[in-house]
Amino acid sequence: MADIIYAISTYVALAALLLAFVRLLLGPRAVDRVVAMDTLTIISLSLIVCIACLRGRTIYIDIALVYGLISFVGIVAIARYLERGM
């Protein structure tokens, strides 16, 4: 039963990933694109965790944590750049 729930959540996350990617491409302003990029990273983190649960590999969760930290630092740097116009 849990495998079915993880599989369904994976497909829902893939659909959300596609919608966020469309927003990234069509975003009229740079701020919209930054928010879409942050959304893409959060959704991809959830996909990595779903795959980790489906396959029973806990190393994927460690990878998701490192990816989340790098993504956070990158988004903060881009937001500061857009705010100050460095």
Protein backbone atom coordinates (compact mmCIF):
# COMPACT_ATOMS: atom_id res chain seq x y z
CA MET A 1 0.00 0.00 0.00
CA ALA A 2 2.81 2.41 0.83
CA ASP A 3 4.44 1.72 -2.54
CA ILE A 4 1.26 2.79 -4.31
CA ILE A 5 1.14 6.03 -2.32
CA TYR A 6 4.79 6.77 -3.09
CA ALA A 7 4.22 6.04 -6.78
CA ILE A 8 1.19 8.33 -6.93
CA SER A 9 3.04 11.11 -5.14
CA THR A 10 5.93 10.71 -7.58
CA TYR A 11 3.60 11.22 -10.54
CA VAL A 12 1.97 14.23 -8.90
CA ALA A 13 5.40 15.72 -8.21
CA LEU A 14 6.40 15.14 -11.84
CA ALA A 15 3.31 17.01 -13.00
CA ALA A 16 4.11 19.88 -10.62
CA LEU A 17 7.69 19.85 -11.87
CA LEU A 18 6.44 20.30 -15.42
CA LEU A 19 4.19 23.22 -14.42
CA ALA A 20 6.99 24.93 -12.52
CA PHE A 21 9.29 24.49 -15.51
CA VAL A 22 6.73 26.17 -17.74
CA ARG A 23 6.61 29.08 -15.27
CA LEU A 24 10.40 29.24 -15.37
CA LEU A 25 10.35 29.55 -19.15
CA LEU A 26 7.41 31.95 -19.42
CA GLY A 27 7.98 34.10 -16.34
CA PRO A 28 7.74 37.73 -17.38
CA ARG A 29 10.12 39.01 -14.70
CA ALA A 30 13.33 37.73 -13.18
CA VAL A 31 11.66 37.43 -9.77
CA ASP A 32 9.08 35.04 -11.21
CA ARG A 33 11.86 32.93 -12.65
CA VAL A 34 13.71 32.82 -9.32
CA VAL A 35 10.56 31.69 -7.52
CA ALA A 36 9.98 29.05 -10.20
CA MET A 37 13.56 27.84 -9.84
CA ASP A 38 13.12 27.57 -6.08
CA THR A 39 9.91 25.65 -6.65
CA LEU A 40 11.72 23.31 -9.04
CA THR A 41 14.37 22.54 -6.45
CA ILE A 42 11.81 21.87 -3.73
CA ILE A 43 9.83 19.55 -5.99
CA SER A 44 12.97 17.74 -7.09
CA LEU A 45 13.91 17.28 -3.43
CA SER A 46 10.55 15.65 -2.81
CA LEU A 47 11.10 13.40 -5.84
CA ILE A 48 14.49 12.32 -4.52
CA VAL A 49 12.92 11.45 -1.17
CA CYS A 50 10.07 9.53 -2.85
CA ILE A 51 12.59 7.53 -4.87
CA ALA A 52 14.56 6.87 -1.70
CA CYS A 53 11.46 5.50 -0.02
CA LEU A 54 10.48 3.41 -3.03
CA ARG A 55 13.91 1.82 -3.37
CA GLY A 56 14.71 1.64 0.33
CA ARG A 57 18.00 3.52 -0.05
CA THR A 58 18.70 6.03 2.70
CA ILE A 59 21.74 7.46 0.93
CA TYR A 60 19.37 9.33 -1.39
CA ILE A 61 18.04 11.28 1.58
CA ASP A 62 21.56 12.48 2.37
CA ILE A 63 21.92 13.55 -1.25
CA ALA A 64 18.62 15.43 -1.01
CA LEU A 65 19.82 17.26 2.10
CA VAL A 66 23.04 18.39 0.43
CA TYR A 67 21.13 19.40 -2.70
CA GLY A 68 18.70 21.40 -0.56
CA LEU A 69 21.50 23.26 1.19
CA ILE A 70 23.25 24.12 -2.06
CA SER A 71 19.96 25.20 -3.60
CA PHE A 72 19.16 27.44 -0.64
CA VAL A 73 22.51 29.20 -0.83
CA GLY A 74 22.14 29.65 -4.59
CA ILE A 75 18.63 31.09 -4.38
CA VAL A 76 19.65 33.48 -1.60
CA ALA A 77 22.61 34.67 -3.69
CA ILE A 78 20.40 35.25 -6.73
CA ALA A 79 17.79 37.06 -4.64
CA ARG A 80 20.44 39.36 -3.13
CA TYR A 81 21.80 40.05 -6.59
CA LEU A 82 18.33 40.99 -7.89
CA GLU A 83 17.59 43.09 -4.82
CA ARG A 84 20.79 45.12 -4.87
CA GLY A 85 21.63 44.92 -8.55
CA MET A 86 25.28 44.09 -7.92
